[in-house]
Amino acid sequence: MAMSGPAKTVAQTVGLVVVMGGLAWASVPFYDWFCRVTGFGGTTGYASVASDEVLDETIRIRFDGSLNNKMSWEFKPVEREMEIRIGETGLAFYEAYNPTDRPIAGQASYNVFPYQAGAFFEKIDCFCFEEQVLAPGERVQMPVSFFVDPEIVSDRDGQYIHTITLSYTFYEIDLPEGYASLDAGPTTDLN
């Protein structure tokens, strides 16, 4: 049984909406995967272990920290820059402080500059892998361990990179369930 003109048009429209919705849903994880694999946009890589090759050549790593305009924390790198050998594991700390009278949860986004360095900058462990919750008045130092892949020296563009800037921006997020009760404030018993 063939569909009539209006029914066929409706079926095609619904089909198009479903396909477009599926593509939109898949685009975020695909883009994230693409950026991690290629270092596109300064996205760094992840390594489960340190590099097994350390070169005599050094590279300067600069650290930058900022906050989304709605985030109430104070946030900065403890050390502004360091020089490490290429392939050597570096360890840096960022400091966060919650000056408010309420717990605040935050998540850090990050990138490196120049963007081509993203394909060679490998994080082993980072505070940015998890959400952070700071109690009122709490100050913490959060570590990031990393190395620069020795492949950078033989890459057509990478070989000219002598300084990499690692940047983080913290955004306020909803408090996890276990912390939500802390934000309710004091309660009074009316009995």
N, C-alpha and C. Protein backbone atom coordinates (compact mmCIF):
# COMPACT_ATOMS: atom_id res chain seq x y z
N MET A 1 0.85 -1.17 0.00
CA MET A 1 0.00 0.00 0.00
C MET A 1 0.90 1.24 0.00
N ALA A 2 0.72 2.07 -0.99
CA ALA A 2 1.52 3.28 -1.14
C ALA A 2 0.96 4.39 -0.26
N MET A 3 1.88 5.23 0.27
CA MET A 3 1.45 6.36 1.10
C MET A 3 1.00 7.50 0.20
N SER A 4 0.05 8.25 0.72
CA SER A 4 -0.42 9.43 0.00
C SER A 4 0.60 10.56 0.16
N GLY A 5 0.44 11.60 -0.61
CA GLY A 5 1.36 12.74 -0.60
C GLY A 5 1.60 13.33 0.78
N PRO A 6 0.55 13.73 1.53
CA PRO A 6 0.76 14.33 2.86
C PRO A 6 1.37 13.34 3.85
N ALA A 7 0.96 12.08 3.83
CA ALA A 7 1.50 11.08 4.76
C ALA A 7 2.98 10.83 4.46
N LYS A 8 3.33 10.80 3.18
CA LYS A 8 4.72 10.58 2.78
C LYS A 8 5.59 11.75 3.24
N THR A 9 5.08 12.96 3.08
CA THR A 9 5.81 14.16 3.51
C THR A 9 6.04 14.15 5.02
N VAL A 10 5.02 13.79 5.79
CA VAL A 10 5.14 13.70 7.25
C VAL A 10 6.17 12.64 7.63
N ALA A 11 6.13 11.48 7.00
CA ALA A 11 7.08 10.40 7.30
C ALA A 11 8.51 10.84 6.97
N GLN A 12 8.70 11.51 5.86
CA GLN A 12 10.03 12.00 5.50
C GLN A 12 10.52 13.06 6.49
N THR A 13 9.64 13.93 6.90
CA THR A 13 9.99 14.98 7.86
C THR A 13 10.37 14.37 9.21
N VAL A 14 9.58 13.42 9.67
CA VAL A 14 9.89 12.75 10.95
C VAL A 14 11.23 12.01 10.83
N GLY A 15 11.44 11.34 9.71
CA GLY A 15 12.70 10.64 9.49
C GLY A 15 13.88 11.59 9.51
N LEU A 16 13.74 12.74 8.86
CA LEU A 16 14.80 13.75 8.84
C LEU A 16 15.08 14.27 10.24
N VAL A 17 14.03 14.53 11.02
CA VAL A 17 14.19 15.02 12.40
C VAL A 17 14.94 13.98 13.25
N VAL A 18 14.60 12.71 13.10
CA VAL A 18 15.26 11.65 13.86
C VAL A 18 16.74 11.56 13.48
N VAL A 19 17.03 11.60 12.18
CA VAL A 19 18.43 11.53 11.72
C VAL A 19 19.22 12.74 12.23
N MET A 20 18.67 13.93 12.11
CA MET A 20 19.36 15.15 12.56
C MET A 20 19.58 15.12 14.08
N GLY A 21 18.59 14.64 14.82
CA GLY A 21 18.74 14.51 16.28
C GLY A 21 19.84 13.53 16.62
N GLY A 22 19.90 12.41 15.92
CA GLY A 22 20.96 11.43 16.15
C GLY A 22 22.34 11.99 15.85
N LEU A 23 22.46 12.74 14.76
CA LEU A 23 23.74 13.36 14.43
C LEU A 23 24.15 14.40 15.46
N ALA A 24 23.20 15.20 15.93
CA ALA A 24 23.50 16.19 16.96
C ALA A 24 23.95 15.51 18.25
N TRP A 25 23.27 14.43 18.61
CA TRP A 25 23.63 13.70 19.83
C TRP A 25 25.03 13.11 19.71
N ALA A 26 25.39 12.58 18.57
CA ALA A 26 26.69 11.93 18.37
C ALA A 26 27.82 12.92 18.14
N SER A 27 27.51 14.16 17.80
CA SER A 27 28.57 15.10 17.45
C SER A 27 29.45 15.48 18.63
N VAL A 28 28.91 15.60 19.82
CA VAL A 28 29.71 15.99 20.98
C VAL A 28 30.74 14.92 21.32
N PRO A 29 30.37 13.64 21.50
CA PRO A 29 31.41 12.65 21.79
C PRO A 29 32.38 12.47 20.62
N PHE A 30 31.91 12.59 19.38
CA PHE A 30 32.81 12.46 18.25
C PHE A 30 33.82 13.59 18.23
N TYR A 31 33.37 14.82 18.46
CA TYR A 31 34.27 15.97 18.49
C TYR A 31 35.29 15.83 19.62
N ASP A 32 34.83 15.39 20.80
CA ASP A 32 35.73 15.18 21.94
C ASP A 32 36.79 14.14 21.58
N TRP A 33 36.39 13.03 20.99
CA TRP A 33 37.33 11.99 20.56
C TRP A 33 38.32 12.55 19.53
N PHE A 34 37.82 13.26 18.55
CA PHE A 34 38.66 13.83 17.50
C PHE A 34 39.71 14.76 18.09
N CYS A 35 39.31 15.62 19.03
CA CYS A 35 40.24 16.57 19.65
C CYS A 35 41.30 15.85 20.46
N ARG A 36 40.92 14.81 21.20
CA ARG A 36 41.89 14.07 22.01
C ARG A 36 42.90 13.34 21.14
N VAL A 37 42.45 12.77 20.03
CA VAL A 37 43.34 12.01 19.16
C VAL A 37 44.30 12.92 18.41
N THR A 38 43.81 14.07 17.94
CA THR A 38 44.63 14.93 17.10
C THR A 38 45.28 16.09 17.85
N GLY A 39 44.83 16.38 19.08
CA GLY A 39 45.32 17.55 19.79
C GLY A 39 44.69 18.83 19.24
N PHE A 40 43.66 18.70 18.40
CA PHE A 40 43.01 19.85 17.80
C PHE A 40 42.51 20.80 18.88
N GLY A 41 42.71 22.10 18.66
CA GLY A 41 42.22 23.10 19.60
C GLY A 41 42.96 23.10 20.92
N GLY A 42 44.16 22.52 20.96
CA GLY A 42 44.94 22.51 22.19
C GLY A 42 44.52 21.46 23.19
N THR A 43 43.72 20.49 22.76
CA THR A 43 43.31 19.41 23.66
C THR A 43 44.50 18.49 23.90
N THR A 44 44.75 18.18 25.15
CA THR A 44 45.90 17.35 25.50
C THR A 44 45.56 15.87 25.43
N GLY A 45 46.61 15.06 25.47
CA GLY A 45 46.42 13.61 25.51
C GLY A 45 46.42 13.10 26.94
N TYR A 46 46.15 11.81 27.11
CA TYR A 46 46.18 11.16 28.41
C TYR A 46 47.15 9.99 28.33
N ALA A 47 47.95 9.83 29.36
CA ALA A 47 48.88 8.71 29.41
C ALA A 47 48.71 8.02 30.75
N SER A 48 48.74 6.68 30.75
CA SER A 48 48.59 5.96 32.01
C SER A 48 49.93 5.80 32.72
N VAL A 49 51.02 5.97 31.99
CA VAL A 49 52.36 5.87 32.57
C VAL A 49 53.24 6.97 32.00
N ALA A 50 54.35 7.22 32.69
CA ALA A 50 55.30 8.23 32.24
C ALA A 50 56.01 7.77 30.97
N SER A 51 56.64 8.70 30.31
CA SER A 51 57.40 8.39 29.09
C SER A 51 58.62 7.54 29.45
N ASP A 52 58.96 6.61 28.59
CA ASP A 52 60.15 5.79 28.83
C ASP A 52 61.38 6.37 28.15
N GLU A 53 61.23 7.53 27.52
CA GLU A 53 62.34 8.19 26.85
C GLU A 53 62.41 9.63 27.33
N VAL A 54 63.58 10.05 27.80
CA VAL A 54 63.79 11.43 28.24
C VAL A 54 64.97 11.98 27.44
N LEU A 55 64.75 13.10 26.78
CA LEU A 55 65.78 13.72 25.94
C LEU A 55 66.59 14.73 26.74
N ASP A 56 67.73 15.13 26.18
CA ASP A 56 68.53 16.17 26.80
C ASP A 56 67.98 17.57 26.51
N GLU A 57 67.10 17.67 25.51
CA GLU A 57 66.51 18.95 25.16
C GLU A 57 65.44 19.34 26.19
N THR A 58 65.34 20.64 26.44
CA THR A 58 64.35 21.11 27.41
C THR A 58 63.26 21.91 26.71
N ILE A 59 62.17 22.07 27.44
CA ILE A 59 61.04 22.87 26.97
C ILE A 59 60.46 23.61 28.17
N ARG A 60 60.01 24.83 27.93
CA ARG A 60 59.44 25.66 29.01
C ARG A 60 57.94 25.43 29.04
N ILE A 61 57.40 25.20 30.23
CA ILE A 61 55.96 25.04 30.42
C ILE A 61 55.47 26.22 31.27
N ARG A 62 54.51 26.94 30.75
CA ARG A 62 53.90 28.05 31.49
C ARG A 62 52.52 27.59 31.96
N PHE A 63 52.08 28.15 33.08
CA PHE A 63 50.81 27.77 33.67
C PHE A 63 49.91 28.99 33.81
N ASP A 64 48.63 28.80 33.46
CA ASP A 64 47.67 29.88 33.51
C ASP A 64 46.38 29.36 34.14
N GLY A 65 45.72 30.18 34.92
CA GLY A 65 44.46 29.79 35.53
C GLY A 65 43.47 30.94 35.49
N SER A 66 42.22 30.64 35.18
CA SER A 66 41.19 31.67 35.15
C SER A 66 39.87 31.07 35.62
N LEU A 67 38.90 31.93 35.81
CA LEU A 67 37.58 31.52 36.28
C LEU A 67 36.51 32.01 35.33
N ASN A 68 35.49 31.22 35.17
CA ASN A 68 34.29 31.66 34.47
C ASN A 68 33.73 32.83 35.28
N ASN A 69 33.09 33.80 34.63
CA ASN A 69 32.65 35.00 35.35
C ASN A 69 31.61 34.72 36.44
N LYS A 70 31.02 33.53 36.48
CA LYS A 70 30.05 33.20 37.53
C LYS A 70 30.66 32.39 38.67
N MET A 71 31.95 32.04 38.56
CA MET A 71 32.61 31.22 39.57
C MET A 71 33.15 32.12 40.68
N SER A 72 32.85 31.77 41.93
CA SER A 72 33.21 32.61 43.08
C SER A 72 34.57 32.27 43.69
N TRP A 73 35.24 31.24 43.22
CA TRP A 73 36.53 30.87 43.79
C TRP A 73 37.63 31.86 43.40
N GLU A 74 38.76 31.71 44.08
CA GLU A 74 40.03 32.28 43.62
C GLU A 74 40.82 31.08 43.11
N PHE A 75 41.52 31.25 41.99
CA PHE A 75 42.20 30.12 41.35
C PHE A 75 43.44 30.62 40.62
N LYS A 76 44.59 29.98 40.87
CA LYS A 76 45.83 30.40 40.22
C LYS A 76 46.86 29.27 40.26
N PRO A 77 47.83 29.31 39.37
CA PRO A 77 48.92 28.34 39.45
C PRO A 77 49.84 28.71 40.61
N VAL A 78 50.38 27.70 41.29
CA VAL A 78 51.33 27.96 42.38
C VAL A 78 52.65 28.44 41.79
N GLU A 79 53.07 27.83 40.71
CA GLU A 79 54.30 28.19 40.02
C GLU A 79 53.90 28.64 38.61
N ARG A 80 54.38 29.76 38.15
CA ARG A 80 53.98 30.30 36.84
C ARG A 80 54.64 29.58 35.66
N GLU A 81 55.85 29.06 35.84
CA GLU A 81 56.49 28.32 34.75
C GLU A 81 57.60 27.43 35.29
N MET A 82 57.94 26.45 34.47
CA MET A 82 59.05 25.55 34.78
C MET A 82 59.69 25.10 33.49
N GLU A 83 60.93 24.69 33.58
CA GLU A 83 61.62 24.14 32.43
C GLU A 83 61.91 22.68 32.74
N ILE A 84 61.51 21.79 31.83
CA ILE A 84 61.74 20.36 32.03
C ILE A 84 62.36 19.76 30.78
N ARG A 85 62.96 18.63 30.94
CA ARG A 85 63.49 17.92 29.77
C ARG A 85 62.32 17.27 29.04
N ILE A 86 62.40 17.20 27.75
CA ILE A 86 61.34 16.59 26.94
C ILE A 86 61.29 15.10 27.27
N GLY A 87 60.10 14.62 27.65
CA GLY A 87 59.91 13.24 28.08
C GLY A 87 59.92 13.07 29.58
N GLU A 88 60.48 14.04 30.31
CA GLU A 88 60.53 13.99 31.78
C GLU A 88 59.15 14.28 32.35
N THR A 89 58.80 13.61 33.45
CA THR A 89 57.52 13.87 34.10
C THR A 89 57.61 15.14 34.92
N GLY A 90 56.68 16.05 34.66
CA GLY A 90 56.60 17.30 35.41
C GLY A 90 55.44 17.22 36.39
N LEU A 91 55.55 17.94 37.49
CA LEU A 91 54.48 18.01 38.48
C LEU A 91 54.27 19.48 38.83
N ALA A 92 53.06 19.95 38.63
CA ALA A 92 52.71 21.34 38.93
C ALA A 92 51.47 21.35 39.81
N PHE A 93 51.29 22.46 40.52
CA PHE A 93 50.14 22.60 41.40
C PHE A 93 49.39 23.89 41.08
N TYR A 94 48.09 23.81 41.20
CA TYR A 94 47.21 24.97 41.13
C TYR A 94 46.53 25.10 42.48
N GLU A 95 46.28 26.35 42.89
CA GLU A 95 45.64 26.60 44.18
C GLU A 95 44.24 27.16 43.94
N ALA A 96 43.28 26.61 44.68
CA ALA A 96 41.90 27.10 44.63
C ALA A 96 41.46 27.45 46.05
N TYR A 97 40.68 28.51 46.15
CA TYR A 97 40.19 28.97 47.44
C TYR A 97 38.72 29.36 47.29
N ASN A 98 37.90 28.92 48.24
CA ASN A 98 36.48 29.27 48.25
C ASN A 98 36.26 30.31 49.35
N PRO A 99 36.17 31.59 49.00
CA PRO A 99 36.00 32.63 50.01
C PRO A 99 34.56 32.82 50.48
N THR A 100 33.63 32.04 49.95
CA THR A 100 32.22 32.23 50.27
C THR A 100 31.83 31.47 51.53
N ASP A 101 30.56 31.59 51.90
CA ASP A 101 30.04 30.89 53.08
C ASP A 101 29.21 29.67 52.68
N ARG A 102 29.43 29.17 51.45
CA ARG A 102 28.70 27.98 50.99
C ARG A 102 29.65 27.07 50.22
N PRO A 103 29.38 25.77 50.22
CA PRO A 103 30.22 24.87 49.41
C PRO A 103 29.96 25.13 47.93
N ILE A 104 31.02 25.03 47.14
CA ILE A 104 30.90 25.26 45.70
C ILE A 104 31.62 24.14 44.98
N ALA A 105 30.95 23.59 43.96
CA ALA A 105 31.54 22.55 43.11
C ALA A 105 32.02 23.21 41.82
N GLY A 106 33.15 22.72 41.33
CA GLY A 106 33.68 23.27 40.09
C GLY A 106 34.26 22.19 39.20
N GLN A 107 34.30 22.47 37.91
CA GLN A 107 34.92 21.58 36.93
C GLN A 107 35.83 22.44 36.07
N ALA A 108 37.03 21.94 35.81
CA ALA A 108 38.00 22.69 35.02
C ALA A 108 38.00 22.22 33.57
N SER A 109 38.00 23.17 32.67
CA SER A 109 38.28 22.87 31.27
C SER A 109 39.71 23.32 31.02
N TYR A 110 40.32 22.81 29.96
CA TYR A 110 41.75 23.09 29.77
C TYR A 110 42.11 23.05 28.30
N ASN A 111 43.25 23.64 28.00
CA ASN A 111 43.87 23.48 26.70
C ASN A 111 45.33 23.90 26.81
N VAL A 112 46.07 23.69 25.75
CA VAL A 112 47.45 24.15 25.69
C VAL A 112 47.60 25.07 24.49
N PHE A 113 48.59 25.91 24.58
CA PHE A 113 48.92 26.81 23.48
C PHE A 113 50.42 26.76 23.28
N PRO A 114 50.93 26.72 22.08
CA PRO A 114 50.20 26.72 20.82
C PRO A 114 49.40 25.43 20.64
N TYR A 115 48.34 25.52 19.87
CA TYR A 115 47.43 24.39 19.72
C TYR A 115 48.11 23.14 19.18
N GLN A 116 49.14 23.30 18.35
CA GLN A 116 49.83 22.13 17.80
C GLN A 116 50.49 21.30 18.90
N ALA A 117 50.77 21.92 20.05
CA ALA A 117 51.42 21.22 21.15
C ALA A 117 50.48 20.22 21.83
N GLY A 118 49.18 20.36 21.62
CA GLY A 118 48.21 19.47 22.25
C GLY A 118 48.45 18.01 21.93
N ALA A 119 48.91 17.72 20.75
CA ALA A 119 49.15 16.33 20.34
C ALA A 119 50.35 15.73 21.06
N PHE A 120 51.18 16.55 21.70
CA PHE A 120 52.40 16.07 22.35
C PHE A 120 52.38 16.24 23.86
N PHE A 121 51.40 16.95 24.38
CA PHE A 121 51.32 17.20 25.82
C PHE A 121 50.46 16.10 26.44
N GLU A 122 51.07 15.26 27.26
CA GLU A 122 50.38 14.09 27.83
C GLU A 122 50.19 14.27 29.33
N LYS A 123 48.95 14.22 29.78
CA LYS A 123 48.66 14.28 31.22
C LYS A 123 48.60 12.86 31.76
N ILE A 124 49.26 12.66 32.88
CA ILE A 124 49.21 11.36 33.56
C ILE A 124 48.11 11.38 34.60
N ASP A 125 48.05 12.47 35.37
CA ASP A 125 47.02 12.64 36.39
C ASP A 125 46.73 14.13 36.49
N CYS A 126 45.46 14.45 36.75
CA CYS A 126 45.09 15.86 36.79
C CYS A 126 43.83 16.08 37.60
N PHE A 127 43.80 17.17 38.34
CA PHE A 127 42.60 17.55 39.09
C PHE A 127 41.43 17.79 38.14
N CYS A 128 41.73 18.08 36.89
CA CYS A 128 40.68 18.37 35.91
C CYS A 128 39.92 17.13 35.47
N PHE A 129 40.41 15.95 35.83
CA PHE A 129 39.72 14.72 35.45
C PHE A 129 38.45 14.51 36.29
N GLU A 130 38.33 15.21 37.42
CA GLU A 130 37.18 15.04 38.31
C GLU A 130 36.65 16.40 38.75
N GLU A 131 35.39 16.43 39.15
CA GLU A 131 34.83 17.67 39.70
C GLU A 131 35.46 17.90 41.08
N GLN A 132 35.57 19.16 41.45
CA GLN A 132 36.14 19.54 42.73
C GLN A 132 35.08 20.24 43.57
N VAL A 133 35.05 19.94 44.87
CA VAL A 133 34.11 20.61 45.78
C VAL A 133 34.93 21.22 46.90
N LEU A 134 34.75 22.52 47.11
CA LEU A 134 35.42 23.21 48.20
C LEU A 134 34.40 23.70 49.21
N ALA A 135 34.67 23.41 50.47
CA ALA A 135 33.83 23.88 51.57
C ALA A 135 34.06 25.38 51.76
N PRO A 136 33.18 26.06 52.48
CA PRO A 136 33.38 27.49 52.74
C PRO A 136 34.74 27.73 53.41
N GLY A 137 35.51 28.66 52.87
CA GLY A 137 36.82 28.99 53.42
C GLY A 137 37.92 27.99 53.14
N GLU A 138 37.64 26.94 52.38
CA GLU A 138 38.65 25.91 52.11
C GLU A 138 39.62 26.36 51.01
N ARG A 139 40.91 26.05 51.24
CA ARG A 139 41.97 26.33 50.28
C ARG A 139 42.68 25.01 50.00
N VAL A 140 42.86 24.66 48.72
CA VAL A 140 43.51 23.41 48.36
C VAL A 140 44.54 23.65 47.26
N GLN A 141 45.53 22.75 47.24
CA GLN A 141 46.47 22.71 46.12
C GLN A 141 46.18 21.43 45.34
N MET A 142 46.00 21.59 44.04
CA MET A 142 45.60 20.48 43.18
C MET A 142 46.71 20.19 42.18
N PRO A 143 47.13 18.92 42.10
CA PRO A 143 48.26 18.58 41.22
C PRO A 143 47.86 18.21 39.80
N VAL A 144 48.81 18.40 38.91
CA VAL A 144 48.73 17.89 37.54
C VAL A 144 50.12 17.34 37.20
N SER A 145 50.18 16.06 36.80
CA SER A 145 51.45 15.48 36.35
C SER A 145 51.36 15.23 34.85
N PHE A 146 52.45 15.45 34.16
CA PHE A 146 52.44 15.47 32.71
C PHE A 146 53.84 15.23 32.16
N PHE A 147 53.90 15.02 30.86
CA PHE A 147 55.18 15.05 30.14
C PHE A 147 54.92 15.50 28.71
N VAL A 148 55.98 15.94 28.07
CA VAL A 148 55.90 16.31 26.65
C VAL A 148 56.51 15.16 25.87
N ASP A 149 55.72 14.60 24.97
CA ASP A 149 56.13 13.44 24.18
C ASP A 149 57.38 13.78 23.36
N PRO A 150 58.43 12.94 23.44
CA PRO A 150 59.65 13.18 22.66
C PRO A 150 59.41 13.27 21.15
N GLU A 151 58.29 12.78 20.66
CA GLU A 151 57.98 12.87 19.22
C GLU A 151 57.88 14.33 18.76
N ILE A 152 57.74 15.27 19.70
CA ILE A 152 57.62 16.67 19.33
C ILE A 152 58.84 17.16 18.56
N VAL A 153 60.03 16.63 18.88
CA VAL A 153 61.25 17.13 18.24
C VAL A 153 61.38 16.70 16.79
N SER A 154 60.68 15.66 16.38
CA SER A 154 60.76 15.21 14.98
C SER A 154 59.51 15.60 14.18
N ASP A 155 58.54 16.24 14.81
CA ASP A 155 57.33 16.67 14.10
C ASP A 155 57.62 17.92 13.29
N ARG A 156 57.03 17.99 12.12
CA ARG A 156 57.25 19.12 11.20
C ARG A 156 56.97 20.47 11.86
N ASP A 157 55.88 20.58 12.60
CA ASP A 157 55.53 21.84 13.27
C ASP A 157 56.01 21.85 14.73
N GLY A 158 55.96 20.71 15.38
CA GLY A 158 56.30 20.63 16.80
C GLY A 158 57.74 20.97 17.12
N GLN A 159 58.64 20.69 16.19
CA GLN A 159 60.06 20.92 16.45
C GLN A 159 60.39 22.38 16.73
N TYR A 160 59.51 23.30 16.34
CA TYR A 160 59.74 24.72 16.56
C TYR A 160 59.09 25.25 17.83
N ILE A 161 58.44 24.38 18.58
CA ILE A 161 57.79 24.80 19.82
C ILE A 161 58.80 24.71 20.96
N HIS A 162 59.01 25.84 21.64
CA HIS A 162 59.96 25.88 22.75
C HIS A 162 59.28 26.24 24.08
N THR A 163 58.04 26.71 23.99
CA THR A 163 57.26 27.05 25.18
C THR A 163 55.83 26.58 24.97
N ILE A 164 55.27 25.93 25.98
CA ILE A 164 53.88 25.48 25.95
C ILE A 164 53.18 26.10 27.16
N THR A 165 52.00 26.66 26.94
CA THR A 165 51.20 27.21 28.03
C THR A 165 50.03 26.27 28.29
N LEU A 166 49.94 25.80 29.55
CA LEU A 166 48.83 24.95 29.99
C LEU A 166 47.84 25.85 30.72
N SER A 167 46.62 25.93 30.19
CA SER A 167 45.60 26.83 30.72
C SER A 167 44.40 26.06 31.24
N TYR A 168 43.89 26.50 32.40
CA TYR A 168 42.67 25.94 32.98
C TYR A 168 41.68 27.07 33.24
N THR A 169 40.40 26.76 33.04
CA THR A 169 39.32 27.66 33.43
C THR A 169 38.34 26.85 34.26
N PHE A 170 38.03 27.33 35.47
CA PHE A 170 37.07 26.65 36.34
C PHE A 170 35.68 27.23 36.14
N TYR A 171 34.69 26.33 36.07
CA TYR A 171 33.28 26.68 35.95
C TYR A 171 32.55 26.12 37.16
N GLU A 172 31.58 26.87 37.68
CA GLU A 172 30.76 26.35 38.77
C GLU A 172 29.77 25.34 38.19
N ILE A 173 29.61 24.22 38.90
CA ILE A 173 28.65 23.19 38.51
C ILE A 173 27.75 22.90 39.70
N ASP A 174 26.69 22.14 39.48
CA ASP A 174 25.79 21.76 40.57
C ASP A 174 26.53 20.90 41.58
N LEU A 175 26.21 21.10 42.85
CA LEU A 175 26.81 20.28 43.90
C LEU A 175 26.38 18.83 43.74
N PRO A 176 27.32 17.89 43.94
CA PRO A 176 26.93 16.48 43.91
C PRO A 176 25.92 16.20 45.03
N GLU A 177 25.17 15.12 44.88
CA GLU A 177 24.09 14.80 45.82
C GLU A 177 24.52 14.82 47.28
N GLY A 178 25.64 14.25 47.61
CA GLY A 178 26.09 14.16 49.00
C GLY A 178 26.39 15.51 49.62
N TYR A 179 26.66 16.52 48.79
CA TYR A 179 27.01 17.84 49.30
C TYR A 179 25.82 18.79 49.33
N ALA A 180 24.75 18.44 48.65
CA ALA A 180 23.60 19.33 48.54
C ALA A 180 23.04 19.73 49.90
N SER A 181 23.05 18.83 50.87
CA SER A 181 22.51 19.14 52.19
C SER A 181 23.36 20.18 52.91
N LEU A 182 24.66 20.26 52.60
CA LEU A 182 25.53 21.26 53.22
C LEU A 182 25.16 22.67 52.77
N ASP A 183 24.59 22.77 51.58
CA ASP A 183 24.24 24.07 51.03
C ASP A 183 22.89 24.56 51.54
N ALA A 184 22.14 23.72 52.22
CA ALA A 184 20.81 24.10 52.70
C ALA A 184 20.86 25.10 53.82
N GLY A 185 22.00 25.20 54.50
CA GLY A 185 22.11 26.16 55.60
C GLY A 185 21.54 25.58 56.90
N PRO A 186 21.60 26.37 57.97
CA PRO A 186 21.10 25.87 59.25
C PRO A 186 19.59 25.71 59.25
N THR A 187 19.14 24.72 59.95
CA THR A 187 17.70 24.49 60.08
C THR A 187 17.29 24.68 61.53
N THR A 188 16.06 25.05 61.73
CA THR A 188 15.56 25.20 63.09
C THR A 188 14.45 24.23 63.33
N ASP A 189 14.39 23.71 64.54
CA ASP A 189 13.35 22.74 64.89
C ASP A 189 12.19 23.51 65.50
N LEU A 190 11.02 23.42 64.90
CA LEU A 190 9.87 24.17 65.38
C LEU A 190 9.10 23.45 66.46
N ASN A 191 9.47 22.24 66.86
CA ASN A 191 8.77 21.49 67.91
C ASN A 191 9.22 21.89 69.28
